[in-house]
Amino acid sequence: MDMNARSLLNTLLVASILSLLIVSPTDVAAQQSSLQLPKTEVRLLGGEDVNLATQLAGHPTLLVLSFERDQVDDLKSWMAVDRELCTAVPNLRRLSIPVLPSAARFLRRVIDGGMADTVGTEKGCGRTATAYIKKEPLLAALSIKDEQDVSAILVSAEGTVLWRGKGAATPAVIAQLREVLENGGGSVAGL
């Protein structure tokens, strides 16, 4: 296959995936209501405070939440695949958020500095933020039952949950997510 044919094939693939993402949330919305998030302020690494709901609005977003220090490797595994996923779906974003107890807020500068060193410079469509909050309202709004594993949630531009995963970004989990992206999220898979 020559380069022009391959380029055309890639363009058609991306266009069809995007059209599915634009059309499908309506179908999913009939099965699942939009997220009603509590007011949740997060701080992007780099210092900007933003509202979580505002960050999710208008773009399909892969939201990846961690809850324990020993989940850093699983969190980083999602960072490693975002470039690949965002190449296939250009308007997709990834937002990784270590969710920390509000009591740890006084250590924010130290923790966020260590997180920035651990994460390094992010490329692709991903960003990392930290949340020092009372976890229960956010966990309830996102229907997260436990904090034993990293939770990955694909949210449509309209705020509808399209897919859920737990733990590291393994090849099997990424295959599930790709299927949802390629099929436009016609069903909720994962959990």
Protein backbone atom coordinates (compact mmCIF):
# COMPACT_ATOMS: atom_id res chain seq x y z
CA MET A 1 0.00 0.00 0.00
CA ASP A 2 1.49 3.34 -0.99
CA MET A 3 1.71 6.36 1.34
CA ASN A 4 -1.25 8.22 -0.26
CA ALA A 5 -3.55 5.23 0.15
CA ARG A 6 -2.42 4.69 3.75
CA SER A 7 -2.92 8.40 4.52
CA LEU A 8 -6.41 8.31 3.01
CA LEU A 9 -7.25 5.18 4.99
CA ASN A 10 -6.07 6.79 8.26
CA THR A 11 -8.07 9.95 7.51
CA LEU A 12 -11.23 7.92 6.83
CA LEU A 13 -10.72 5.91 10.02
CA VAL A 14 -10.34 9.04 12.17
CA ALA A 15 -13.34 10.71 10.48
CA SER A 16 -15.56 7.68 11.09
CA ILE A 17 -14.50 7.45 14.75
CA LEU A 18 -15.22 11.15 15.25
CA SER A 19 -18.63 10.87 13.60
CA LEU A 20 -19.51 7.99 15.92
CA LEU A 21 -18.47 9.99 18.98
CA ILE A 22 -20.61 12.91 17.88
CA VAL A 23 -23.72 10.81 17.11
CA SER A 24 -23.60 8.10 19.76
CA PRO A 25 -23.91 9.98 23.06
CA THR A 26 -27.60 10.54 22.29
CA ASP A 27 -28.13 6.78 22.17
CA VAL A 28 -26.18 6.29 25.39
CA ALA A 29 -27.95 9.19 27.09
CA ALA A 30 -31.20 7.25 26.81
CA GLN A 31 -29.62 4.46 28.86
CA GLN A 32 -27.62 6.57 31.27
CA SER A 33 -28.15 10.07 32.66
CA SER A 34 -25.51 12.77 32.54
CA LEU A 35 -23.13 13.14 35.46
CA GLN A 36 -24.16 15.53 38.20
CA LEU A 37 -20.83 16.33 39.79
CA PRO A 38 -20.49 18.14 43.09
CA LYS A 39 -18.48 21.35 42.96
CA THR A 40 -14.97 19.92 42.86
CA GLU A 41 -11.93 22.15 42.53
CA VAL A 42 -8.78 20.49 41.23
CA ARG A 43 -5.34 21.97 40.68
CA LEU A 44 -3.59 21.20 37.43
CA LEU A 45 0.10 20.45 37.81
CA GLY A 46 1.50 23.85 37.06
CA GLY A 47 -0.70 25.62 39.58
CA GLU A 48 -4.00 26.49 37.85
CA ASP A 49 -7.13 25.81 39.95
CA VAL A 50 -10.08 24.64 37.84
CA ASN A 51 -13.55 23.20 38.33
CA LEU A 52 -13.73 19.50 37.42
CA ALA A 53 -17.11 19.82 35.66
CA THR A 54 -15.74 22.67 33.52
CA GLN A 55 -12.75 20.53 32.53
CA LEU A 56 -15.07 17.72 31.40
CA ALA A 57 -17.47 19.92 29.42
CA GLY A 58 -17.35 20.01 25.65
CA HIS A 59 -14.82 17.22 24.98
CA PRO A 60 -14.89 13.47 25.41
CA THR A 61 -12.61 12.86 28.38
CA LEU A 62 -10.92 9.83 29.84
CA LEU A 63 -11.02 10.60 33.56
CA VAL A 64 -8.50 8.52 35.54
CA LEU A 65 -8.72 8.69 39.35
CA SER A 66 -6.29 7.22 41.86
CA PHE A 67 -6.77 7.06 45.61
CA GLU A 68 -3.67 5.50 47.16
CA ARG A 69 0.06 6.16 46.87
CA ASP A 70 0.70 2.61 45.65
CA GLN A 71 -1.54 3.28 42.62
CA VAL A 72 0.97 5.65 40.97
CA ASP A 73 2.23 3.02 38.52
CA ASP A 74 -1.33 2.21 37.41
CA LEU A 75 -2.04 5.93 37.02
CA LYS A 76 1.11 6.37 34.94
CA SER A 77 0.13 3.43 32.72
CA TRP A 78 -2.86 5.48 31.54
CA MET A 79 -0.59 8.43 30.81
CA ALA A 80 1.50 6.23 28.55
CA VAL A 81 -1.42 5.34 26.24
CA ASP A 82 -3.07 8.73 25.87
CA ARG A 83 -0.90 9.75 22.91
CA GLU A 84 -1.98 6.64 21.04
CA LEU A 85 -5.67 7.10 21.87
CA CYS A 86 -5.62 10.81 21.09
CA THR A 87 -4.09 10.17 17.69
CA ALA A 88 -7.10 8.01 16.84
CA VAL A 89 -9.60 10.43 18.43
CA PRO A 90 -8.13 13.95 18.15
CA ASN A 91 -10.65 15.71 20.43
CA LEU A 92 -10.25 13.16 23.26
CA ARG A 93 -8.69 14.38 26.50
CA ARG A 94 -7.26 12.49 29.45
CA LEU A 95 -7.42 13.99 32.93
CA SER A 96 -5.63 12.04 35.67
CA ILE A 97 -6.46 13.02 39.22
CA PRO A 98 -4.92 11.62 42.38
CA VAL A 99 -7.76 12.16 44.88
CA LEU A 100 -6.32 13.01 48.28
CA PRO A 101 -8.02 13.66 51.63
CA SER A 102 -8.80 17.30 52.30
CA ALA A 103 -6.71 17.06 55.51
CA ALA A 104 -3.58 16.71 53.33
CA ARG A 105 -4.20 20.13 51.76
CA PHE A 106 -1.56 21.78 53.96
CA LEU A 107 1.05 19.54 52.26
CA ARG A 108 -0.17 20.45 48.76
CA ARG A 109 3.02 22.23 47.68
CA VAL A 110 5.20 19.26 48.65
CA ILE A 111 2.82 16.61 47.26
CA ASP A 112 2.14 18.47 44.01
CA GLY A 113 5.87 19.10 43.53
CA GLY A 114 6.59 15.41 44.00
CA MET A 115 3.74 14.53 41.65
CA ALA A 116 5.13 16.87 38.98
CA ASP A 117 8.55 15.21 39.32
CA THR A 118 6.97 11.74 39.09
CA VAL A 119 4.74 12.54 36.11
CA GLY A 120 7.28 14.62 34.21
CA THR A 121 6.34 16.59 31.12
CA GLU A 122 3.08 15.33 29.69
CA LYS A 123 2.66 15.09 25.96
CA GLY A 124 -0.44 14.25 24.00
CA CYS A 125 -3.93 15.07 25.20
CA GLY A 126 -3.37 14.37 28.89
CA ARG A 127 -3.16 16.53 31.95
CA THR A 128 -2.76 15.71 35.60
CA ALA A 129 -4.41 17.52 38.49
CA THR A 130 -4.67 16.90 42.21
CA ALA A 131 -7.85 17.04 44.29
CA TYR A 132 -7.73 17.60 48.05
CA ILE A 133 -11.38 16.96 48.86
CA LYS A 134 -13.92 15.04 50.88
CA LYS A 135 -14.02 12.03 48.58
CA GLU A 136 -17.49 10.68 49.27
CA PRO A 137 -19.56 13.17 47.21
CA LEU A 138 -17.33 12.74 44.15
CA LEU A 139 -17.19 8.95 44.49
CA ALA A 140 -20.98 8.80 44.80
CA ALA A 141 -21.52 11.06 41.76
CA LEU A 142 -19.16 8.89 39.68
CA SER A 143 -20.62 5.61 41.07
CA ILE A 144 -17.21 4.47 42.31
CA LYS A 145 -17.80 1.79 44.93
CA ASP A 146 -14.26 1.37 46.28
CA GLU A 147 -10.82 2.92 46.22
CA GLN A 148 -8.83 -0.32 45.90
CA ASP A 149 -7.92 0.35 42.25
CA VAL A 150 -7.49 3.24 39.86
CA SER A 151 -10.82 4.06 38.19
CA ALA A 152 -10.89 5.05 34.52
CA ILE A 153 -14.11 6.58 33.19
CA LEU A 154 -14.80 7.67 29.61
CA VAL A 155 -17.17 10.64 29.68
CA SER A 156 -18.82 12.04 26.53
CA ALA A 157 -18.72 15.75 25.71
CA GLU A 158 -22.27 15.92 27.09
CA GLY A 159 -21.27 14.37 30.43
CA THR A 160 -22.55 10.84 29.86
CA VAL A 161 -20.50 7.90 31.14
CA LEU A 162 -19.67 5.71 28.12
CA TRP A 163 -17.23 3.25 29.68
CA ARG A 164 -15.61 2.25 32.98
CA GLY A 165 -12.39 0.43 33.74
CA LYS A 166 -10.37 -0.38 36.85
CA GLY A 167 -6.67 -0.76 37.52
CA ALA A 168 -3.80 -0.37 35.10
CA ALA A 169 -4.09 0.29 31.38
CA THR A 170 -3.48 -3.31 30.34
CA PRO A 171 -3.77 -4.41 26.70
CA ALA A 172 -7.16 -6.04 27.45
CA VAL A 173 -8.54 -2.90 29.09
CA ILE A 174 -7.23 -0.68 26.29
CA ALA A 175 -8.85 -3.04 23.75
CA GLN A 176 -12.21 -2.58 25.54
CA LEU A 177 -11.78 1.19 25.51
CA ARG A 178 -10.79 1.21 21.83
CA GLU A 179 -13.88 -0.81 20.98
CA VAL A 180 -16.08 1.76 22.71
CA LEU A 181 -14.30 4.61 20.93
CA GLU A 182 -14.54 2.87 17.56
CA ASN A 183 -18.20 1.95 18.03
CA GLY A 184 -19.12 5.35 19.40
CA GLY A 185 -19.89 4.20 22.90
CA GLY A 186 -23.16 2.39 22.16
CA SER A 187 -23.00 0.59 25.51
CA VAL A 188 -21.31 0.93 28.84
CA ALA A 189 -18.56 -1.69 29.16
CA GLY A 190 -16.03 -2.44 31.84
CA LEU A 191 -17.42 -2.49 35.35
